[in-house]
Every structure is written in C-alpha cells, then in structure tokens.
Amino acid sequence: MSLLPNLVFGFLPYCLSFLGTKYLMFALWGVIAVAMGAGDYYNVFNALTQMPKGARTYLYQMNSYWYIPENK
C-alpha cells in the first residue's frame, strides 16, 4: 500500500474542514480515510523502530518481513 493516497484523501480534507462548519463532510471523509490506512502507518512505525540500518523490507499478505542483503 501507499501512504500518499491516505495523506491526500485523509489529512488534506480533514485540514480543510477547519475552515468552517460547511466543510463538515470533509472532516468525516478525512477521518474515515485516515482510519483505513492504519495498517500502513503501523508498517511504517515498525520499519522505523525495528529494522536495522541497511535492511530491506517486503510485504507478504498481511505481514511485513525485513532482511539484510549480503554485500557482493
């Protein structure tokens, strides 16, 4: 998955909703979009906190794995 659609269709509409009450639908849309991307945020958090430097990650179904490639 990608975080870019989640940021564009989630946080951007949510921030637009701060302009006034007539944009309340954007707030609802933004909250739902951000919640649907929770798994992507969880993968990014795990990658930043658990992976050693130089490691690579790949996703398989609902799991993410990391490995350190051999230097050739």
N, C-alpha and C. Protein backbone atom coordinates (compact mmCIF):
# COMPACT_ATOMS: atom_id res chain seq x y z
N MET A 1 0.83 -1.18 0.00
CA MET A 1 0.00 0.00 0.00
C MET A 1 0.88 1.25 0.00
N SER A 2 0.23 2.35 -0.18
CA SER A 2 0.96 3.61 -0.24
C SER A 2 0.32 4.61 0.71
N LEU A 3 1.14 5.41 1.32
CA LEU A 3 0.62 6.42 2.23
C LEU A 3 0.19 7.70 1.52
N LEU A 4 0.63 7.89 0.28
CA LEU A 4 0.27 9.13 -0.43
C LEU A 4 -1.24 9.29 -0.60
N PRO A 5 -1.98 8.27 -1.08
CA PRO A 5 -3.43 8.46 -1.16
C PRO A 5 -4.07 8.71 0.20
N ASN A 6 -3.51 8.09 1.22
CA ASN A 6 -4.04 8.30 2.55
C ASN A 6 -3.82 9.73 3.03
N LEU A 7 -2.67 10.28 2.70
CA LEU A 7 -2.40 11.66 3.09
C LEU A 7 -3.26 12.64 2.29
N VAL A 8 -3.41 12.38 0.98
CA VAL A 8 -4.17 13.29 0.13
C VAL A 8 -5.66 13.22 0.43
N PHE A 9 -6.21 12.01 0.56
CA PHE A 9 -7.64 11.87 0.78
C PHE A 9 -8.02 11.79 2.25
N GLY A 10 -7.03 11.82 3.14
CA GLY A 10 -7.30 11.75 4.57
C GLY A 10 -7.00 13.05 5.29
N PHE A 11 -5.72 13.38 5.36
CA PHE A 11 -5.32 14.55 6.13
C PHE A 11 -5.68 15.87 5.45
N LEU A 12 -5.58 15.90 4.14
CA LEU A 12 -5.90 17.14 3.43
C LEU A 12 -7.37 17.53 3.59
N PRO A 13 -8.34 16.62 3.37
CA PRO A 13 -9.73 17.01 3.62
C PRO A 13 -10.01 17.33 5.09
N TYR A 14 -9.33 16.61 5.98
CA TYR A 14 -9.53 16.88 7.41
C TYR A 14 -9.05 18.29 7.75
N CYS A 15 -7.92 18.68 7.21
CA CYS A 15 -7.42 20.04 7.46
C CYS A 15 -8.31 21.09 6.81
N LEU A 16 -8.89 20.78 5.64
CA LEU A 16 -9.82 21.71 5.01
C LEU A 16 -11.07 21.93 5.86
N SER A 17 -11.44 20.93 6.63
CA SER A 17 -12.65 21.05 7.44
C SER A 17 -12.49 22.08 8.55
N PHE A 18 -11.28 22.49 8.84
CA PHE A 18 -11.07 23.51 9.87
C PHE A 18 -11.49 24.90 9.40
N LEU A 19 -11.79 25.05 8.10
CA LEU A 19 -12.17 26.35 7.57
C LEU A 19 -13.57 26.78 7.98
N GLY A 20 -14.41 25.83 8.33
CA GLY A 20 -15.75 26.20 8.76
C GLY A 20 -16.67 25.00 8.84
N THR A 21 -17.86 25.24 9.36
CA THR A 21 -18.81 24.13 9.55
C THR A 21 -19.41 23.65 8.24
N LYS A 22 -19.35 24.45 7.19
CA LYS A 22 -19.90 23.98 5.92
C LYS A 22 -19.02 22.90 5.28
N TYR A 23 -17.82 22.70 5.81
CA TYR A 23 -16.91 21.66 5.32
C TYR A 23 -16.89 20.44 6.24
N LEU A 24 -17.96 20.24 6.99
CA LEU A 24 -18.02 19.13 7.93
C LEU A 24 -17.92 17.77 7.23
N MET A 25 -18.43 17.68 6.01
CA MET A 25 -18.35 16.42 5.27
C MET A 25 -16.89 16.05 4.97
N PHE A 26 -16.05 17.05 4.75
CA PHE A 26 -14.63 16.78 4.54
C PHE A 26 -13.99 16.18 5.79
N ALA A 27 -14.42 16.63 6.96
CA ALA A 27 -13.88 16.08 8.20
C ALA A 27 -14.23 14.61 8.33
N LEU A 28 -15.47 14.26 8.05
CA LEU A 28 -15.89 12.86 8.12
C LEU A 28 -15.13 12.02 7.11
N TRP A 29 -15.01 12.51 5.89
CA TRP A 29 -14.28 11.79 4.85
C TRP A 29 -12.81 11.60 5.26
N GLY A 30 -12.20 12.64 5.80
CA GLY A 30 -10.80 12.57 6.21
C GLY A 30 -10.57 11.58 7.34
N VAL A 31 -11.45 11.57 8.32
CA VAL A 31 -11.30 10.64 9.45
C VAL A 31 -11.43 9.19 8.97
N ILE A 32 -12.38 8.94 8.10
CA ILE A 32 -12.57 7.57 7.60
C ILE A 32 -11.35 7.15 6.77
N ALA A 33 -10.84 8.03 5.92
CA ALA A 33 -9.69 7.68 5.08
C ALA A 33 -8.44 7.42 5.92
N VAL A 34 -8.21 8.22 6.95
CA VAL A 34 -7.05 8.01 7.82
C VAL A 34 -7.19 6.69 8.57
N ALA A 35 -8.37 6.37 9.01
CA ALA A 35 -8.57 5.11 9.74
C ALA A 35 -8.35 3.90 8.84
N MET A 36 -8.70 4.01 7.57
CA MET A 36 -8.50 2.89 6.65
C MET A 36 -7.02 2.66 6.35
N GLY A 37 -6.18 3.64 6.55
CA GLY A 37 -4.74 3.48 6.32
C GLY A 37 -3.95 3.17 7.57
N ALA A 38 -4.61 2.75 8.64
CA ALA A 38 -3.93 2.49 9.90
C ALA A 38 -2.86 1.41 9.76
N GLY A 39 -3.12 0.40 8.95
CA GLY A 39 -2.14 -0.67 8.76
C GLY A 39 -0.86 -0.17 8.11
N ASP A 40 -0.99 0.79 7.19
CA ASP A 40 0.19 1.36 6.55
C ASP A 40 1.03 2.16 7.55
N TYR A 41 0.36 2.91 8.42
CA TYR A 41 1.09 3.65 9.44
C TYR A 41 1.78 2.70 10.41
N TYR A 42 1.14 1.59 10.71
CA TYR A 42 1.72 0.59 11.60
C TYR A 42 2.98 -0.02 10.96
N ASN A 43 2.94 -0.30 9.66
CA ASN A 43 4.12 -0.84 8.98
C ASN A 43 5.26 0.17 8.96
N VAL A 44 4.96 1.42 8.75
CA VAL A 44 6.00 2.45 8.76
C VAL A 44 6.60 2.58 10.16
N PHE A 45 5.77 2.54 11.19
CA PHE A 45 6.27 2.62 12.56
C PHE A 45 7.20 1.45 12.86
N ASN A 46 6.80 0.23 12.48
CA ASN A 46 7.65 -0.93 12.70
C ASN A 46 8.95 -0.84 11.92
N ALA A 47 8.89 -0.34 10.70
CA ALA A 47 10.10 -0.20 9.90
C ALA A 47 11.07 0.79 10.53
N LEU A 48 10.56 1.87 11.06
CA LEU A 48 11.43 2.88 11.65
C LEU A 48 12.01 2.45 12.99
N THR A 49 11.28 1.65 13.75
CA THR A 49 11.73 1.30 15.10
C THR A 49 12.41 -0.05 15.21
N GLN A 50 12.15 -0.98 14.30
CA GLN A 50 12.67 -2.33 14.46
C GLN A 50 13.73 -2.73 13.44
N MET A 51 13.75 -2.11 12.29
CA MET A 51 14.67 -2.54 11.24
C MET A 51 16.06 -1.94 11.47
N PRO A 52 17.11 -2.76 11.35
CA PRO A 52 18.46 -2.21 11.44
C PRO A 52 18.81 -1.41 10.19
N LYS A 53 19.82 -0.59 10.30
CA LYS A 53 20.23 0.24 9.16
C LYS A 53 20.70 -0.63 8.01
N GLY A 54 20.27 -0.32 6.80
CA GLY A 54 20.65 -1.06 5.62
C GLY A 54 19.75 -2.25 5.32
N ALA A 55 18.78 -2.51 6.16
CA ALA A 55 17.88 -3.64 5.93
C ALA A 55 16.83 -3.26 4.89
N ARG A 56 16.29 -4.28 4.26
CA ARG A 56 15.21 -4.09 3.28
C ARG A 56 13.98 -4.80 3.79
N THR A 57 12.83 -4.29 3.42
CA THR A 57 11.59 -4.88 3.86
C THR A 57 10.74 -5.30 2.67
N TYR A 58 9.92 -6.29 2.86
CA TYR A 58 8.93 -6.67 1.86
C TYR A 58 7.67 -7.12 2.57
N LEU A 59 6.56 -6.94 1.89
CA LEU A 59 5.26 -7.29 2.44
C LEU A 59 4.75 -8.56 1.76
N TYR A 60 4.22 -9.46 2.55
CA TYR A 60 3.59 -10.66 2.02
C TYR A 60 2.27 -10.83 2.74
N GLN A 61 1.19 -10.71 2.00
CA GLN A 61 -0.17 -10.75 2.53
C GLN A 61 -0.32 -9.70 3.61
N MET A 62 -0.56 -10.06 4.84
CA MET A 62 -0.76 -9.07 5.91
C MET A 62 0.47 -8.92 6.80
N ASN A 63 1.60 -9.47 6.41
CA ASN A 63 2.81 -9.43 7.23
C ASN A 63 3.91 -8.69 6.50
N SER A 64 4.80 -8.10 7.26
CA SER A 64 5.98 -7.47 6.69
C SER A 64 7.22 -8.15 7.27
N TYR A 65 8.22 -8.34 6.42
CA TYR A 65 9.45 -9.00 6.80
C TYR A 65 10.62 -8.12 6.40
N TRP A 66 11.71 -8.21 7.12
CA TRP A 66 12.90 -7.47 6.74
C TRP A 66 14.08 -8.43 6.71
N TYR A 67 15.07 -8.07 5.91
CA TYR A 67 16.29 -8.84 5.81
C TYR A 67 17.45 -7.89 5.49
N ILE A 68 18.66 -8.36 5.78
CA ILE A 68 19.85 -7.58 5.46
C ILE A 68 20.50 -8.25 4.26
N PRO A 69 20.57 -7.56 3.12
CA PRO A 69 21.16 -8.18 1.92
C PRO A 69 22.66 -8.38 2.10
N GLU A 70 23.17 -9.42 1.46
CA GLU A 70 24.59 -9.70 1.50
C GLU A 70 25.33 -8.73 0.59
N ASN A 71 26.49 -8.31 1.02
CA ASN A 71 27.32 -7.41 0.19
C ASN A 71 28.06 -8.24 -0.83
N LYS A 72 27.99 -7.83 -2.10
CA LYS A 72 28.68 -8.55 -3.16
C LYS A 72 29.76 -7.70 -3.77
